N, C-alpha and C. Protein backbone atom coordinates (compact mmCIF):
# COMPACT_ATOMS: atom_id res chain seq x y z
N UNK A 1 4.28 10.73 -16.94
CA UNK A 1 3.50 11.29 -15.86
C UNK A 1 4.18 10.98 -14.52
N UNK A 2 4.34 11.98 -13.71
CA UNK A 2 4.98 11.82 -12.41
C UNK A 2 3.93 11.38 -11.39
N UNK A 3 4.28 10.40 -10.59
CA UNK A 3 3.39 9.91 -9.54
C UNK A 3 3.24 10.98 -8.46
N UNK A 4 2.01 11.34 -8.16
CA UNK A 4 1.74 12.35 -7.14
C UNK A 4 0.88 11.71 -6.05
N UNK A 5 1.50 11.31 -4.93
CA UNK A 5 0.73 10.63 -3.88
C UNK A 5 -0.37 11.51 -3.29
N UNK A 6 -0.19 12.82 -3.31
CA UNK A 6 -1.22 13.71 -2.78
C UNK A 6 -2.46 13.71 -3.67
N UNK A 7 -2.25 13.67 -4.97
CA UNK A 7 -3.37 13.61 -5.91
C UNK A 7 -4.11 12.29 -5.77
N UNK A 8 -3.35 11.21 -5.60
CA UNK A 8 -3.97 9.89 -5.41
C UNK A 8 -4.81 9.89 -4.14
N UNK A 9 -4.25 10.41 -3.05
CA UNK A 9 -4.97 10.46 -1.77
C UNK A 9 -6.24 11.29 -1.91
N UNK A 10 -6.16 12.38 -2.63
CA UNK A 10 -7.33 13.24 -2.82
C UNK A 10 -8.43 12.50 -3.59
N UNK A 11 -8.05 11.77 -4.64
CA UNK A 11 -9.03 11.01 -5.42
C UNK A 11 -9.66 9.91 -4.57
N UNK A 12 -8.85 9.23 -3.76
CA UNK A 12 -9.37 8.16 -2.91
C UNK A 12 -10.34 8.71 -1.87
N UNK A 13 -10.01 9.84 -1.26
CA UNK A 13 -10.92 10.47 -0.29
C UNK A 13 -12.23 10.87 -0.97
N UNK A 14 -12.13 11.36 -2.19
CA UNK A 14 -13.31 11.81 -2.93
C UNK A 14 -14.30 10.67 -3.15
N UNK A 15 -13.80 9.45 -3.34
CA UNK A 15 -14.70 8.32 -3.55
C UNK A 15 -15.05 7.60 -2.25
N UNK A 16 -14.55 8.12 -1.13
CA UNK A 16 -14.94 7.57 0.17
C UNK A 16 -13.97 6.62 0.82
N UNK A 17 -12.82 6.39 0.21
CA UNK A 17 -11.83 5.52 0.82
C UNK A 17 -11.03 6.30 1.86
N UNK A 18 -10.78 5.68 2.99
CA UNK A 18 -9.96 6.33 4.02
C UNK A 18 -8.75 5.45 4.31
N UNK A 19 -7.67 6.10 4.70
CA UNK A 19 -6.47 5.37 5.09
C UNK A 19 -6.62 4.80 6.49
N UNK A 20 -5.72 3.92 6.85
CA UNK A 20 -5.80 3.24 8.15
C UNK A 20 -5.70 4.23 9.31
N UNK A 21 -4.84 5.24 9.20
CA UNK A 21 -4.72 6.22 10.28
C UNK A 21 -5.98 7.05 10.42
N UNK A 22 -6.57 7.44 9.30
CA UNK A 22 -7.82 8.20 9.36
C UNK A 22 -8.95 7.33 9.91
N UNK A 23 -8.97 6.07 9.51
CA UNK A 23 -9.99 5.14 10.04
C UNK A 23 -9.88 5.06 11.55
N UNK A 24 -8.65 4.89 12.03
CA UNK A 24 -8.45 4.80 13.48
C UNK A 24 -8.91 6.08 14.19
N UNK A 25 -8.50 7.23 13.67
CA UNK A 25 -8.82 8.50 14.32
C UNK A 25 -10.31 8.82 14.24
N UNK A 26 -10.91 8.60 13.08
CA UNK A 26 -12.31 9.00 12.88
C UNK A 26 -13.33 8.00 13.38
N UNK A 27 -12.97 6.73 13.46
CA UNK A 27 -13.97 5.71 13.81
C UNK A 27 -13.58 4.87 15.01
N UNK A 28 -12.45 4.22 14.94
CA UNK A 28 -12.07 3.28 16.00
C UNK A 28 -11.94 4.00 17.34
N UNK A 29 -11.13 5.04 17.40
CA UNK A 29 -10.92 5.74 18.67
C UNK A 29 -12.13 6.56 19.09
N UNK A 30 -12.82 7.14 18.15
CA UNK A 30 -13.96 8.01 18.47
C UNK A 30 -15.13 7.22 19.04
N UNK A 31 -15.41 6.05 18.51
CA UNK A 31 -16.62 5.33 18.87
C UNK A 31 -16.40 4.13 19.80
N UNK A 32 -15.19 3.95 20.28
CA UNK A 32 -14.90 2.80 21.13
C UNK A 32 -14.07 3.24 22.33
N UNK A 33 -14.43 2.71 23.49
CA UNK A 33 -13.62 2.97 24.67
C UNK A 33 -12.24 2.35 24.45
N UNK A 34 -11.24 2.98 25.02
CA UNK A 34 -9.86 2.53 24.83
C UNK A 34 -9.68 1.06 25.20
N UNK A 35 -10.38 0.59 26.23
CA UNK A 35 -10.21 -0.81 26.65
C UNK A 35 -10.69 -1.79 25.58
N UNK A 36 -11.54 -1.33 24.65
CA UNK A 36 -12.03 -2.20 23.58
C UNK A 36 -11.21 -2.07 22.29
N UNK A 37 -10.24 -1.20 22.30
CA UNK A 37 -9.45 -0.95 21.09
C UNK A 37 -8.84 -2.23 20.50
N UNK A 38 -8.27 -3.13 21.31
CA UNK A 38 -7.72 -4.35 20.71
C UNK A 38 -8.76 -5.17 19.95
N UNK A 39 -10.01 -5.13 20.39
CA UNK A 39 -11.06 -5.87 19.67
C UNK A 39 -11.38 -5.24 18.32
N UNK A 40 -11.53 -3.94 18.32
CA UNK A 40 -11.96 -3.28 17.09
C UNK A 40 -10.82 -3.01 16.12
N UNK A 41 -9.59 -3.06 16.60
CA UNK A 41 -8.45 -2.83 15.73
C UNK A 41 -7.98 -4.10 15.03
N UNK A 42 -8.36 -5.24 15.55
CA UNK A 42 -7.96 -6.54 14.98
C UNK A 42 -9.07 -7.00 14.04
N UNK A 43 -8.83 -6.92 12.74
CA UNK A 43 -9.87 -7.24 11.77
C UNK A 43 -10.37 -8.68 11.89
N UNK A 44 -9.48 -9.61 12.16
CA UNK A 44 -9.89 -11.01 12.29
C UNK A 44 -10.76 -11.21 13.53
N UNK A 45 -10.36 -10.63 14.64
CA UNK A 45 -11.15 -10.74 15.86
C UNK A 45 -12.50 -10.05 15.69
N UNK A 46 -12.51 -8.89 15.04
CA UNK A 46 -13.77 -8.19 14.79
C UNK A 46 -14.70 -9.06 13.95
N UNK A 47 -14.15 -9.72 12.94
CA UNK A 47 -14.96 -10.59 12.08
C UNK A 47 -15.53 -11.75 12.89
N UNK A 48 -14.71 -12.37 13.73
CA UNK A 48 -15.18 -13.49 14.56
C UNK A 48 -16.29 -13.04 15.50
N UNK A 49 -16.13 -11.85 16.11
CA UNK A 49 -17.16 -11.32 17.00
C UNK A 49 -18.45 -11.03 16.24
N UNK A 50 -18.33 -10.49 15.04
CA UNK A 50 -19.52 -10.22 14.22
C UNK A 50 -20.25 -11.52 13.89
N UNK A 51 -19.51 -12.56 13.55
CA UNK A 51 -20.13 -13.86 13.24
C UNK A 51 -20.82 -14.42 14.47
N UNK A 52 -20.17 -14.33 15.64
CA UNK A 52 -20.78 -14.80 16.89
C UNK A 52 -22.12 -14.12 17.15
N UNK A 53 -22.22 -12.87 16.75
CA UNK A 53 -23.44 -12.10 16.99
C UNK A 53 -24.36 -12.07 15.77
N UNK A 54 -24.12 -13.02 14.86
CA UNK A 54 -24.95 -13.24 13.68
C UNK A 54 -25.07 -12.01 12.78
N UNK A 55 -23.99 -11.26 12.68
CA UNK A 55 -23.94 -10.13 11.76
C UNK A 55 -23.38 -10.62 10.43
N UNK A 56 -23.91 -10.14 9.33
CA UNK A 56 -23.39 -10.59 8.03
C UNK A 56 -21.98 -10.05 7.78
N UNK A 57 -21.12 -10.92 7.33
CA UNK A 57 -19.74 -10.53 7.01
C UNK A 57 -19.35 -11.21 5.70
N UNK A 58 -18.46 -10.60 4.94
CA UNK A 58 -17.99 -11.26 3.71
C UNK A 58 -17.16 -12.50 4.04
N UNK A 59 -17.10 -13.39 3.08
CA UNK A 59 -16.31 -14.61 3.24
C UNK A 59 -14.83 -14.27 3.46
N UNK A 60 -14.19 -15.03 4.31
CA UNK A 60 -12.76 -14.85 4.57
C UNK A 60 -11.98 -15.78 3.64
N UNK A 61 -11.14 -15.22 2.80
CA UNK A 61 -10.37 -16.02 1.86
C UNK A 61 -9.07 -16.51 2.47
N UNK A 62 -8.42 -15.67 3.24
CA UNK A 62 -7.12 -16.02 3.81
C UNK A 62 -6.76 -15.02 4.90
N UNK A 63 -5.82 -15.42 5.73
CA UNK A 63 -5.30 -14.53 6.78
C UNK A 63 -3.80 -14.41 6.58
N UNK A 64 -3.32 -13.18 6.55
CA UNK A 64 -1.89 -12.91 6.44
C UNK A 64 -1.46 -12.20 7.71
N UNK A 65 -0.61 -12.84 8.47
CA UNK A 65 -0.12 -12.23 9.71
C UNK A 65 1.28 -11.65 9.53
N UNK A 66 2.04 -12.23 8.61
CA UNK A 66 3.40 -11.76 8.36
C UNK A 66 3.64 -11.70 6.86
N UNK A 67 4.54 -10.84 6.46
CA UNK A 67 4.78 -10.58 5.04
C UNK A 67 5.10 -11.85 4.24
N UNK A 68 5.86 -12.76 4.82
CA UNK A 68 6.25 -13.97 4.07
C UNK A 68 5.06 -14.86 3.74
N UNK A 69 3.92 -14.66 4.40
CA UNK A 69 2.73 -15.48 4.15
C UNK A 69 1.97 -15.04 2.89
N UNK A 70 2.36 -13.93 2.32
CA UNK A 70 1.66 -13.43 1.13
C UNK A 70 1.74 -14.43 -0.01
N UNK A 71 2.87 -15.07 -0.18
CA UNK A 71 3.02 -16.07 -1.25
C UNK A 71 1.99 -17.19 -1.11
N UNK A 72 1.70 -17.59 0.11
CA UNK A 72 0.70 -18.64 0.34
C UNK A 72 -0.69 -18.18 -0.09
N UNK A 73 -0.96 -16.91 0.07
CA UNK A 73 -2.27 -16.37 -0.31
C UNK A 73 -2.48 -16.49 -1.81
N UNK A 74 -1.44 -16.23 -2.58
CA UNK A 74 -1.55 -16.36 -4.03
C UNK A 74 -2.01 -17.77 -4.40
N UNK A 75 -1.44 -18.76 -3.77
CA UNK A 75 -1.82 -20.15 -4.05
C UNK A 75 -3.27 -20.42 -3.63
N UNK A 76 -3.67 -19.89 -2.47
CA UNK A 76 -5.04 -20.09 -1.99
C UNK A 76 -6.07 -19.42 -2.89
N UNK A 77 -5.72 -18.28 -3.43
CA UNK A 77 -6.67 -17.52 -4.25
C UNK A 77 -6.69 -17.96 -5.71
N UNK A 78 -5.69 -18.71 -6.13
CA UNK A 78 -5.57 -19.12 -7.53
C UNK A 78 -6.84 -19.82 -8.02
N UNK A 79 -7.37 -20.74 -7.24
CA UNK A 79 -8.55 -21.49 -7.66
C UNK A 79 -9.82 -20.64 -7.63
N UNK A 80 -9.83 -19.57 -6.89
CA UNK A 80 -11.01 -18.71 -6.79
C UNK A 80 -11.22 -17.90 -8.07
N UNK A 81 -10.18 -17.73 -8.85
CA UNK A 81 -10.25 -16.90 -10.06
C UNK A 81 -10.96 -17.61 -11.20
N UNK A 82 -11.23 -18.88 -11.06
CA UNK A 82 -11.86 -19.65 -12.14
C UNK A 82 -13.35 -19.46 -12.15
């Protein structure tokens, strides 16, 4: 079977998943003034702001800022799988 990225994208859209560019265009830019974009585009900052305002958020397992940090995440998540 040949990998078809367009078919995958279509299936993901059908179940409600959106890509990062679509998220930005449809939600972040549409519903936020440009001056607030850094707040709403930064997932960690958004989570901290939500917590400050007592909004429910899922638990944060790890933060990856750079690609080389991914290996550290595997170690952090290893114990969670038990």
